[in-house]
Amino acid sequence: MDDPQAAWRRAASFEDLCALGERFVRGTLESFPGWGAPDLDVESDSLIAVLGACMAGGFLTTASQPGRPFAPGHAGRAFAQRAFVCGFVSPRVASRLAEEAATRHLWFAASHAEAAAHAATAGPGFGVQPVGLADGTPYLFAGHPAADEELALFEDHLAPRALSALALQPFVWLVDPVWGRRDALPEGLAAVLRGARA
């Protein structure tokens, strides 16, 4: 296994970054900028196949979670999750995500980092919404403009050329509004990725 930090520093394009992201989610690269662990959380095991396909299809995901119905969790608290994924995506894939989200009644929003040289991909937006609840209290949110914050996590890990390429991509959120549902978001992503390869 090659030095993961060196692998990220060698990247020269957005496609290179997506390829490294795919290696990370599939377990053959032990580093992802901004993520302080050598692999995904256990709860993301069910998403490995779809996240790997996202990376291969031009969607560099930076955060995600599966849906989780209301149920007891640690410390006797009741937890629930909405499925979501966010990250940097090629403009073509962003447009397809927006279309698929409308068809499947998923929430979609897109924004650009300030350094982007072209117009943002238009999405209907959905505002900031909770995607995690503990005893009915929100503790995790999606939909906020996170492009600059996420881009900053890559700054110390990428060469300037790759960082500039990343900054040109829209940052998107895709969220299933139904608490606990696990299949709608992965199915929507799969449909987009099939179309992107066609």
C-alpha atoms as a PDB file:
ATOM      1  CA  MET A   1       0.000   0.000   0.000  1.00  0.00           C
ATOM      2  CA  ASP A   2       1.542   3.341  -0.994  1.00  0.00           C
ATOM      3  CA  ASP A   3       1.981   6.313   1.333  1.00  0.00           C
ATOM      4  CA  PRO A   4      -1.524   7.822   1.480  1.00  0.00           C
ATOM      5  CA  GLN A   5      -0.336  11.384   2.070  1.00  0.00           C
ATOM      6  CA  ALA A   6       1.983  11.152  -0.932  1.00  0.00           C
ATOM      7  CA  ALA A   7      -0.842   9.764  -3.051  1.00  0.00           C
ATOM      8  CA  TRP A   8      -3.021  12.797  -2.305  1.00  0.00           C
ATOM      9  CA  ARG A   9      -0.105  15.187  -2.975  1.00  0.00           C
ATOM     10  CA  ARG A  10       0.472  13.574  -6.400  1.00  0.00           C
ATOM     11  CA  ALA A  11      -3.123  14.164  -7.509  1.00  0.00           C
ATOM     12  CA  ALA A  12      -3.357  16.677 -10.352  1.00  0.00           C
ATOM     13  CA  SER A  13      -7.055  16.725 -11.284  1.00  0.00           C
ATOM     14  CA  PHE A  14     -10.547  16.298  -9.909  1.00  0.00           C
ATOM     15  CA  GLU A  15     -10.643  12.858 -11.547  1.00  0.00           C
ATOM     16  CA  ASP A  16      -7.475  11.913  -9.627  1.00  0.00           C
ATOM     17  CA  LEU A  17      -9.125  12.991  -6.367  1.00  0.00           C
ATOM     18  CA  CYS A  18     -12.224  10.932  -7.095  1.00  0.00           C
ATOM     19  CA  ALA A  19     -10.040   7.897  -7.830  1.00  0.00           C
ATOM     20  CA  LEU A  20      -8.280   8.320  -4.471  1.00  0.00           C
ATOM     21  CA  GLY A  21     -11.647   8.752  -2.735  1.00  0.00           C
ATOM     22  CA  GLU A  22     -12.829   5.497  -4.270  1.00  0.00           C
ATOM     23  CA  ARG A  23      -9.721   3.730  -2.996  1.00  0.00           C
ATOM     24  CA  PHE A  24     -10.373   5.098   0.485  1.00  0.00           C
ATOM     25  CA  VAL A  25     -13.999   3.969   0.722  1.00  0.00           C
ATOM     26  CA  ARG A  26     -13.075   0.540  -0.660  1.00  0.00           C
ATOM     27  CA  GLY A  27     -10.297   0.179   1.945  1.00  0.00           C
ATOM     28  CA  THR A  28      -7.159   0.294  -0.221  1.00  0.00           C
ATOM     29  CA  LEU A  29      -6.008   3.773   0.871  1.00  0.00           C
ATOM     30  CA  GLU A  30      -5.777   4.631   4.571  1.00  0.00           C
ATOM     31  CA  SER A  31      -6.306   8.380   4.423  1.00  0.00           C
ATOM     32  CA  PHE A  32      -8.902  10.935   3.364  1.00  0.00           C
ATOM     33  CA  PRO A  33      -8.315  14.674   3.920  1.00  0.00           C
ATOM     34  CA  GLY A  34     -10.186  15.952   6.946  1.00  0.00           C
ATOM     35  CA  TRP A  35     -11.142  12.460   8.135  1.00  0.00           C
ATOM     36  CA  GLY A  36      -9.155  11.388  11.186  1.00  0.00           C
ATOM     37  CA  ALA A  37      -9.464   7.635  10.730  1.00  0.00           C
ATOM     38  CA  PRO A  38      -8.009   5.074   8.295  1.00  0.00           C
ATOM     39  CA  ASP A  39     -11.456   3.849   7.205  1.00  0.00           C
ATOM     40  CA  LEU A  40     -15.168   4.655   7.302  1.00  0.00           C
ATOM     41  CA  ASP A  41     -17.415   4.477  10.354  1.00  0.00           C
ATOM     42  CA  VAL A  42     -19.039   1.076  10.875  1.00  0.00           C
ATOM     43  CA  GLU A  43     -22.478   2.600  10.141  1.00  0.00           C
ATOM     44  CA  SER A  44     -21.246   3.424   6.622  1.00  0.00           C
ATOM     45  CA  ASP A  45     -20.439  -0.206   5.761  1.00  0.00           C
ATOM     46  CA  SER A  46     -23.826  -0.494   4.063  1.00  0.00           C
ATOM     47  CA  LEU A  47     -22.901   2.472   1.829  1.00  0.00           C
ATOM     48  CA  ILE A  48     -19.466   1.308   0.641  1.00  0.00           C
ATOM     49  CA  ALA A  49     -20.664   0.070  -2.749  1.00  0.00           C
ATOM     50  CA  VAL A  50     -22.690   3.194  -3.553  1.00  0.00           C
ATOM     51  CA  LEU A  51     -19.992   5.571  -2.235  1.00  0.00           C
ATOM     52  CA  GLY A  52     -17.365   3.771  -4.325  1.00  0.00           C
ATOM     53  CA  ALA A  53     -19.612   4.112  -7.373  1.00  0.00           C
ATOM     54  CA  CYS A  54     -20.110   7.810  -6.592  1.00  0.00           C
ATOM     55  CA  MET A  55     -16.366   8.400  -6.526  1.00  0.00           C
ATOM     56  CA  ALA A  56     -15.884   6.479  -9.765  1.00  0.00           C
ATOM     57  CA  GLY A  57     -18.714   8.483 -11.344  1.00  0.00           C
ATOM     58  CA  GLY A  58     -17.424  11.982 -10.543  1.00  0.00           C
ATOM     59  CA  PHE A  59     -18.865  12.618  -7.067  1.00  0.00           C
ATOM     60  CA  LEU A  60     -16.167  13.127  -4.408  1.00  0.00           C
ATOM     61  CA  THR A  61     -18.288  12.538  -1.309  1.00  0.00           C
ATOM     62  CA  THR A  62     -17.055  14.151   1.903  1.00  0.00           C
ATOM     63  CA  ALA A  63     -19.774  13.064   4.354  1.00  0.00           C
ATOM     64  CA  SER A  64     -22.707  10.667   4.350  1.00  0.00           C
ATOM     65  CA  GLN A  65     -24.888   8.528   6.568  1.00  0.00           C
ATOM     66  CA  PRO A  66     -27.568   5.895   6.087  1.00  0.00           C
ATOM     67  CA  GLY A  67     -31.117   6.413   7.288  1.00  0.00           C
ATOM     68  CA  ARG A  68     -31.869   5.135  10.784  1.00  0.00           C
ATOM     69  CA  PRO A  69     -35.402   4.758  12.161  1.00  0.00           C
ATOM     70  CA  PHE A  70     -36.191   6.001  15.659  1.00  0.00           C
ATOM     71  CA  ALA A  71     -34.693   3.447  18.028  1.00  0.00           C
ATOM     72  CA  PRO A  72     -32.848   3.218  21.347  1.00  0.00           C
ATOM     73  CA  GLY A  73     -29.121   3.826  21.084  1.00  0.00           C
ATOM     74  CA  HIS A  74     -26.185   4.291  23.431  1.00  0.00           C
ATOM     75  CA  ALA A  75     -26.727   5.795  26.895  1.00  0.00           C
ATOM     76  CA  GLY A  76     -30.430   4.907  26.677  1.00  0.00           C
ATOM     77  CA  ARG A  77     -31.178   7.717  24.225  1.00  0.00           C
ATOM     78  CA  ALA A  78     -33.440   7.375  21.174  1.00  0.00           C
ATOM     79  CA  PHE A  79     -31.756   8.252  17.878  1.00  0.00           C
ATOM     80  CA  ALA A  80     -32.955   8.762  14.312  1.00  0.00           C
ATOM     81  CA  GLN A  81     -31.195   9.725  11.069  1.00  0.00           C
ATOM     82  CA  ARG A  82     -32.106  10.959   7.622  1.00  0.00           C
ATOM     83  CA  ALA A  83     -29.928   9.466   4.877  1.00  0.00           C
ATOM     84  CA  PHE A  84     -27.705  12.063   3.201  1.00  0.00           C
ATOM     85  CA  VAL A  85     -24.579  12.500   1.136  1.00  0.00           C
ATOM     86  CA  CYS A  86     -22.620  15.633   0.315  1.00  0.00           C
ATOM     87  CA  GLY A  87     -19.446  16.520  -1.520  1.00  0.00           C
ATOM     88  CA  PHE A  88     -17.873  17.954  -4.641  1.00  0.00           C
ATOM     89  CA  VAL A  89     -19.274  16.832  -7.964  1.00  0.00           C
ATOM     90  CA  SER A  90     -18.747  17.490 -11.651  1.00  0.00           C
ATOM     91  CA  PRO A  91     -21.269  20.012 -13.061  1.00  0.00           C
ATOM     92  CA  ARG A  92     -22.760  17.343 -15.357  1.00  0.00           C
ATOM     93  CA  VAL A  93     -23.386  14.964 -12.473  1.00  0.00           C
ATOM     94  CA  ALA A  94     -24.734  17.825 -10.332  1.00  0.00           C
ATOM     95  CA  SER A  95     -27.388  18.550 -12.954  1.00  0.00           C
ATOM     96  CA  ARG A  96     -28.385  14.880 -13.082  1.00  0.00           C
ATOM     97  CA  LEU A  97     -28.562  14.745  -9.271  1.00  0.00           C
ATOM     98  CA  ALA A  98     -30.932  17.736  -9.259  1.00  0.00           C
ATOM     99  CA  GLU A  99     -33.189  16.040 -11.818  1.00  0.00           C
ATOM    100  CA  GLU A 100     -33.179  12.715  -9.997  1.00  0.00           C
ATOM    101  CA  ALA A 101     -33.859  14.401  -6.659  1.00  0.00           C
ATOM    102  CA  ALA A 102     -36.965  16.077  -8.090  1.00  0.00           C
ATOM    103  CA  THR A 103     -38.183  12.763  -9.522  1.00  0.00           C
ATOM    104  CA  ARG A 104     -37.649  10.847  -6.273  1.00  0.00           C
ATOM    105  CA  HIS A 105     -38.735  13.647  -3.883  1.00  0.00           C
ATOM    106  CA  LEU A 106     -35.280  13.984  -2.342  1.00  0.00           C
ATOM    107  CA  TRP A 107     -33.839  17.290  -1.154  1.00  0.00           C
ATOM    108  CA  PHE A 108     -31.041  18.728  -3.303  1.00  0.00           C
ATOM    109  CA  ALA A 109     -28.926  21.863  -2.957  1.00  0.00           C
ATOM    110  CA  ALA A 110     -25.766  23.006  -4.737  1.00  0.00           C
ATOM    111  CA  SER A 111     -23.272  25.784  -4.192  1.00  0.00           C
ATOM    112  CA  HIS A 112     -19.800  26.750  -5.280  1.00  0.00           C
ATOM    113  CA  ALA A 113     -16.700  27.673  -3.393  1.00  0.00           C
ATOM    114  CA  GLU A 114     -15.875  31.353  -3.868  1.00  0.00           C
ATOM    115  CA  ALA A 115     -12.911  30.388  -6.057  1.00  0.00           C
ATOM    116  CA  ALA A 116     -15.149  28.769  -8.674  1.00  0.00           C
ATOM    117  CA  ALA A 117     -14.658  30.226 -12.142  1.00  0.00           C
ATOM    118  CA  HIS A 118     -18.060  29.347 -13.557  1.00  0.00           C
ATOM    119  CA  ALA A 119     -21.660  29.748 -12.456  1.00  0.00           C
ATOM    120  CA  ALA A 120     -23.085  27.552  -9.727  1.00  0.00           C
ATOM    121  CA  THR A 121     -25.262  24.642 -10.697  1.00  0.00           C
ATOM    122  CA  ALA A 122     -28.783  25.723  -9.898  1.00  0.00           C
ATOM    123  CA  GLY A 123     -30.665  23.637  -7.405  1.00  0.00           C
ATOM    124  CA  PRO A 124     -33.972  24.322  -5.663  1.00  0.00           C
ATOM    125  CA  GLY A 125     -32.314  24.245  -2.254  1.00  0.00           C
ATOM    126  CA  PHE A 126     -34.046  23.166   0.928  1.00  0.00           C
ATOM    127  CA  GLY A 127     -32.485  25.279   3.664  1.00  0.00           C
ATOM    128  CA  VAL A 128     -30.663  23.907   6.665  1.00  0.00           C
ATOM    129  CA  GLN A 129     -32.444  20.818   7.975  1.00  0.00           C
ATOM    130  CA  PRO A 130     -31.710  18.350  10.796  1.00  0.00           C
ATOM    131  CA  VAL A 131     -30.484  14.912   9.718  1.00  0.00           C
ATOM    132  CA  GLY A 132     -29.777  13.511  13.176  1.00  0.00           C
ATOM    133  CA  LEU A 133     -31.948  13.471  16.300  1.00  0.00           C
ATOM    134  CA  ALA A 134     -31.167  12.333  19.838  1.00  0.00           C
ATOM    135  CA  ASP A 135     -34.260  12.147  22.056  1.00  0.00           C
ATOM    136  CA  GLY A 136     -35.949  14.492  19.590  1.00  0.00           C
ATOM    137  CA  THR A 137     -33.169  17.114  19.753  1.00  0.00           C
ATOM    138  CA  PRO A 138     -31.333  17.850  16.480  1.00  0.00           C
ATOM    139  CA  TYR A 139     -27.574  17.305  16.661  1.00  0.00           C
ATOM    140  CA  LEU A 140     -26.585  17.096  12.977  1.00  0.00           C
ATOM    141  CA  PHE A 141     -27.647  19.338  10.085  1.00  0.00           C
ATOM    142  CA  ALA A 142     -27.465  19.335   6.278  1.00  0.00           C
ATOM    143  CA  GLY A 143     -27.989  21.975   3.612  1.00  0.00           C
ATOM    144  CA  HIS A 144     -25.709  24.713   4.892  1.00  0.00           C
ATOM    145  CA  PRO A 145     -23.159  26.295   2.514  1.00  0.00           C
ATOM    146  CA  ALA A 146     -20.205  24.049   3.351  1.00  0.00           C
ATOM    147  CA  ALA A 147     -18.045  24.332   0.209  1.00  0.00           C
ATOM    148  CA  ASP A 148     -15.398  26.639   1.697  1.00  0.00           C
ATOM    149  CA  GLU A 149     -15.244  24.699   4.960  1.00  0.00           C
ATOM    150  CA  GLU A 150     -14.864  21.379   3.139  1.00  0.00           C
ATOM    151  CA  LEU A 151     -12.325  22.824   0.700  1.00  0.00           C
ATOM    152  CA  ALA A 152     -10.211  24.009   3.640  1.00  0.00           C
ATOM    153  CA  LEU A 153      -9.903  20.401   4.851  1.00  0.00           C
ATOM    154  CA  PHE A 154      -8.038  19.567   1.630  1.00  0.00           C
ATOM    155  CA  GLU A 155      -5.667  22.573   1.630  1.00  0.00           C
ATOM    156  CA  ASP A 156      -2.795  20.950   3.521  1.00  0.00           C
ATOM    157  CA  HIS A 157      -3.078  17.661   1.622  1.00  0.00           C
ATOM    158  CA  LEU A 158      -3.210  18.631  -2.063  1.00  0.00           C
ATOM    159  CA  ALA A 159      -0.889  20.259  -4.551  1.00  0.00           C
ATOM    160  CA  PRO A 160      -2.138  23.684  -5.770  1.00  0.00           C
ATOM    161  CA  ARG A 161      -3.277  22.307  -9.140  1.00  0.00           C
ATOM    162  CA  ALA A 162      -5.533  19.661  -7.583  1.00  0.00           C
ATOM    163  CA  LEU A 163      -6.893  22.111  -5.004  1.00  0.00           C
ATOM    164  CA  SER A 164      -7.788  24.562  -7.785  1.00  0.00           C
ATOM    165  CA  ALA A 165      -9.515  21.784  -9.734  1.00  0.00           C
ATOM    166  CA  LEU A 166     -11.528  20.836  -6.652  1.00  0.00           C
ATOM    167  CA  ALA A 167     -12.576  24.458  -6.060  1.00  0.00           C
ATOM    168  CA  LEU A 168     -14.143  24.582  -9.527  1.00  0.00           C
ATOM    169  CA  GLN A 169     -16.652  21.836  -8.758  1.00  0.00           C
ATOM    170  CA  PRO A 170     -20.100  22.461  -7.268  1.00  0.00           C
ATOM    171  CA  PHE A 171     -20.592  21.326  -3.682  1.00  0.00           C
ATOM    172  CA  VAL A 172     -23.891  19.481  -3.308  1.00  0.00           C
ATOM    173  CA  TRP A 173     -26.196  18.020  -0.689  1.00  0.00           C
ATOM    174  CA  LEU A 174     -28.605  15.167  -1.379  1.00  0.00           C
ATOM    175  CA  VAL A 175     -30.914  14.293   1.524  1.00  0.00           C
ATOM    176  CA  ASP A 176     -33.796  11.879   1.963  1.00  0.00           C
ATOM    177  CA  PRO A 177     -36.449  13.839   3.907  1.00  0.00           C
ATOM    178  CA  VAL A 178     -38.007  10.641   5.325  1.00  0.00           C
ATOM    179  CA  TRP A 179     -36.530   9.740   8.713  1.00  0.00           C
ATOM    180  CA  GLY A 180     -35.078   6.236   8.787  1.00  0.00           C
ATOM    181  CA  ARG A 181     -35.569   5.341   5.122  1.00  0.00           C
ATOM    182  CA  ARG A 182     -32.482   3.587   3.778  1.00  0.00           C
ATOM    183  CA  ASP A 183     -33.103   2.781   0.113  1.00  0.00           C
ATOM    184  CA  ALA A 184     -34.330   5.919  -1.677  1.00  0.00           C
ATOM    185  CA  LEU A 185     -31.063   7.857  -1.604  1.00  0.00           C
ATOM    186  CA  PRO A 186     -28.793   4.966  -2.727  1.00  0.00           C
ATOM    187  CA  GLU A 187     -31.274   4.096  -5.485  1.00  0.00           C
ATOM    188  CA  GLY A 188     -31.309   7.710  -6.679  1.00  0.00           C
ATOM    189  CA  LEU A 189     -27.518   7.841  -6.710  1.00  0.00           C
ATOM    190  CA  ALA A 190     -27.345   4.562  -8.601  1.00  0.00           C
ATOM    191  CA  ALA A 191     -29.735   5.892 -11.265  1.00  0.00           C
ATOM    192  CA  VAL A 192     -27.629   9.039 -11.724  1.00  0.00           C
ATOM    193  CA  LEU A 193     -24.413   7.065 -11.988  1.00  0.00           C
ATOM    194  CA  ARG A 194     -25.908   4.645 -14.521  1.00  0.00           C
ATOM    195  CA  GLY A 195     -26.935   7.633 -16.634  1.00  0.00           C
ATOM    196  CA  ALA A 196     -23.512   9.269 -16.293  1.00  0.00           C
ATOM    197  CA  ARG A 197     -21.866   6.157 -17.726  1.00  0.00           C
ATOM    198  CA  ALA A 198     -24.339   5.893 -20.626  1.00  0.00           C
END
